[in-house]
Protein backbone atom coordinates (compact mmCIF):
# COMPACT_ATOMS: atom_id res chain seq x y z
CA MET A 1 -13.01 6.42 -5.10
CA ARG A 2 -14.31 3.80 -2.69
CA MET A 3 -14.56 4.91 0.91
CA HIS A 4 -14.63 1.81 3.09
CA ASN A 5 -11.46 1.67 5.19
CA PRO A 6 -9.37 -0.45 2.83
CA ALA A 7 -6.79 -2.72 4.40
CA HIS A 8 -3.17 -1.65 4.47
CA PRO A 9 -1.11 -3.91 2.16
CA GLY A 10 0.88 -4.99 5.19
CA LYS A 11 -2.18 -6.99 6.25
CA LEU A 12 -1.79 -9.14 3.13
CA ILE A 13 1.88 -9.72 3.94
CA ALA A 14 0.93 -10.73 7.49
CA ASP A 15 -1.71 -13.12 6.14
CA ILE A 16 0.78 -14.67 3.73
CA LEU A 17 3.29 -15.14 6.55
CA GLU A 18 0.65 -16.62 8.83
CA ASN A 19 -0.95 -18.93 6.28
CA GLY A 20 1.85 -19.45 3.79
CA ASN A 21 4.34 -22.18 3.36
CA LEU A 22 7.25 -20.01 2.30
CA SER A 23 10.53 -21.64 1.39
CA VAL A 24 12.41 -19.06 3.47
CA GLY A 25 10.26 -19.71 6.53
CA ASN A 26 7.22 -17.94 7.89
CA SER A 27 8.96 -15.35 10.06
CA VAL A 28 9.26 -11.63 9.52
CA THR A 29 13.02 -11.93 9.98
CA ALA A 30 13.38 -14.59 7.28
CA LEU A 31 11.22 -12.74 4.77
CA ALA A 32 12.96 -9.43 5.47
CA LYS A 33 16.35 -11.03 4.89
CA HIS A 34 15.11 -12.57 1.65
CA LEU A 35 13.72 -9.19 0.50
CA GLY A 36 16.98 -7.44 1.36
CA VAL A 37 15.43 -5.13 3.95
CA THR A 38 15.74 -4.91 7.71
CA ARG A 39 13.33 -6.71 9.99
CA ALA A 40 12.26 -3.31 11.34
CA THR A 41 11.44 -2.02 7.85
CA LEU A 42 9.27 -5.02 7.02
CA SER A 43 7.66 -4.96 10.46
CA ARG A 44 6.65 -1.30 9.99
CA VAL A 45 4.98 -2.19 6.67
CA ILE A 46 3.23 -5.25 8.13
CA HIS A 47 1.86 -3.20 11.03
CA GLY A 48 0.70 -0.35 8.77
CA ARG A 49 3.17 2.20 10.09
CA SER A 50 5.01 2.51 6.76
CA ALA A 51 3.77 2.56 3.20
CA VAL A 52 4.67 0.05 0.51
CA SER A 53 7.03 1.89 -1.85
CA ALA A 54 7.50 1.10 -5.53
CA VAL A 55 10.78 -0.65 -4.74
CA MET A 56 9.18 -2.69 -1.95
CA ALA A 57 6.29 -3.59 -4.28
CA LEU A 58 8.77 -4.94 -6.83
CA ARG A 59 10.59 -6.93 -4.15
CA LEU A 60 7.30 -8.37 -2.88
CA GLN A 61 6.31 -9.23 -6.45
CA ASP A 62 9.54 -11.15 -6.97
CA ALA A 63 9.37 -12.93 -3.61
CA LEU A 64 5.66 -13.62 -3.24
CA GLY A 65 4.41 -13.65 -6.82
CA VAL A 66 1.82 -10.94 -6.18
CA ASN A 67 1.94 -8.27 -8.89
CA ALA A 68 3.62 -5.00 -7.88
CA ASP A 69 0.63 -3.10 -9.28
CA LEU A 70 -1.63 -4.74 -6.70
CA TRP A 71 0.64 -3.76 -3.81
CA LEU A 72 0.72 -0.16 -5.01
CA ARG A 73 -3.03 0.02 -5.73
CA MET A 74 -3.72 -1.26 -2.21
CA GLN A 75 -1.39 1.38 -0.78
CA ILE A 76 -2.96 4.18 -2.84
CA GLN A 77 -6.48 3.16 -1.83
CA ARG A 78 -5.42 3.16 1.82
CA ASP A 79 -3.63 6.51 1.52
CA LEU A 80 -6.62 8.15 -0.17
CA TRP A 81 -9.02 6.80 2.43
CA VAL A 82 -6.84 8.03 5.30
CA ALA A 83 -6.42 11.45 3.67
CA SER A 84 -10.18 11.74 3.04
CA ARG A 85 -10.82 11.29 6.78
CA LYS A 86 -8.64 14.25 7.77
CA ARG A 87 -9.78 17.85 7.95
CA ARG A 88 -8.45 19.88 5.08
CA LYS A 89 -8.97 23.28 3.56
CA LYS A 90 -11.75 23.43 0.98
CA VAL A 91 -10.35 24.03 -2.50
CA SER A 92 -12.69 25.40 -5.15
CA SER A 93 -12.62 24.26 -8.75
CA VAL A 94 -10.63 26.25 -11.30
CA VAL A 95 -12.20 24.50 -14.27
CA VAL A 96 -14.44 26.75 -16.38
CA ALA A 97 -17.73 25.14 -17.43
CA GLU A 98 -18.21 24.61 -21.18
CA HIS A 99 -21.18 27.01 -21.44
CA GLN A 100 -19.10 29.79 -19.85
CA LYS A 101 -16.27 29.32 -22.38
CA ALA A 102 -18.57 30.08 -25.32
CA ALA A 103 -19.72 33.41 -23.87
């Protein structure tokens, strides 16, 4: 697992809106309407306050041509990085080493 503060997938959506020449227009409102979600929902994703769900990934794939797997991998990498930065209880391994099994 890479630990380098990966970008939230919403950053890519923001970049596409900023730099793209989308047929629906380059506004959050227009893209949200095209995706079939509210402007607030898309805005929360763009600003990193909400995660990209599997359904949203499929909608983004259809609308923007970026594979749904990429959206979800970006989200998972971000989620793992954020979780790794939080304090959590230490959990010990329950796997028995091979040399202990033979004994």
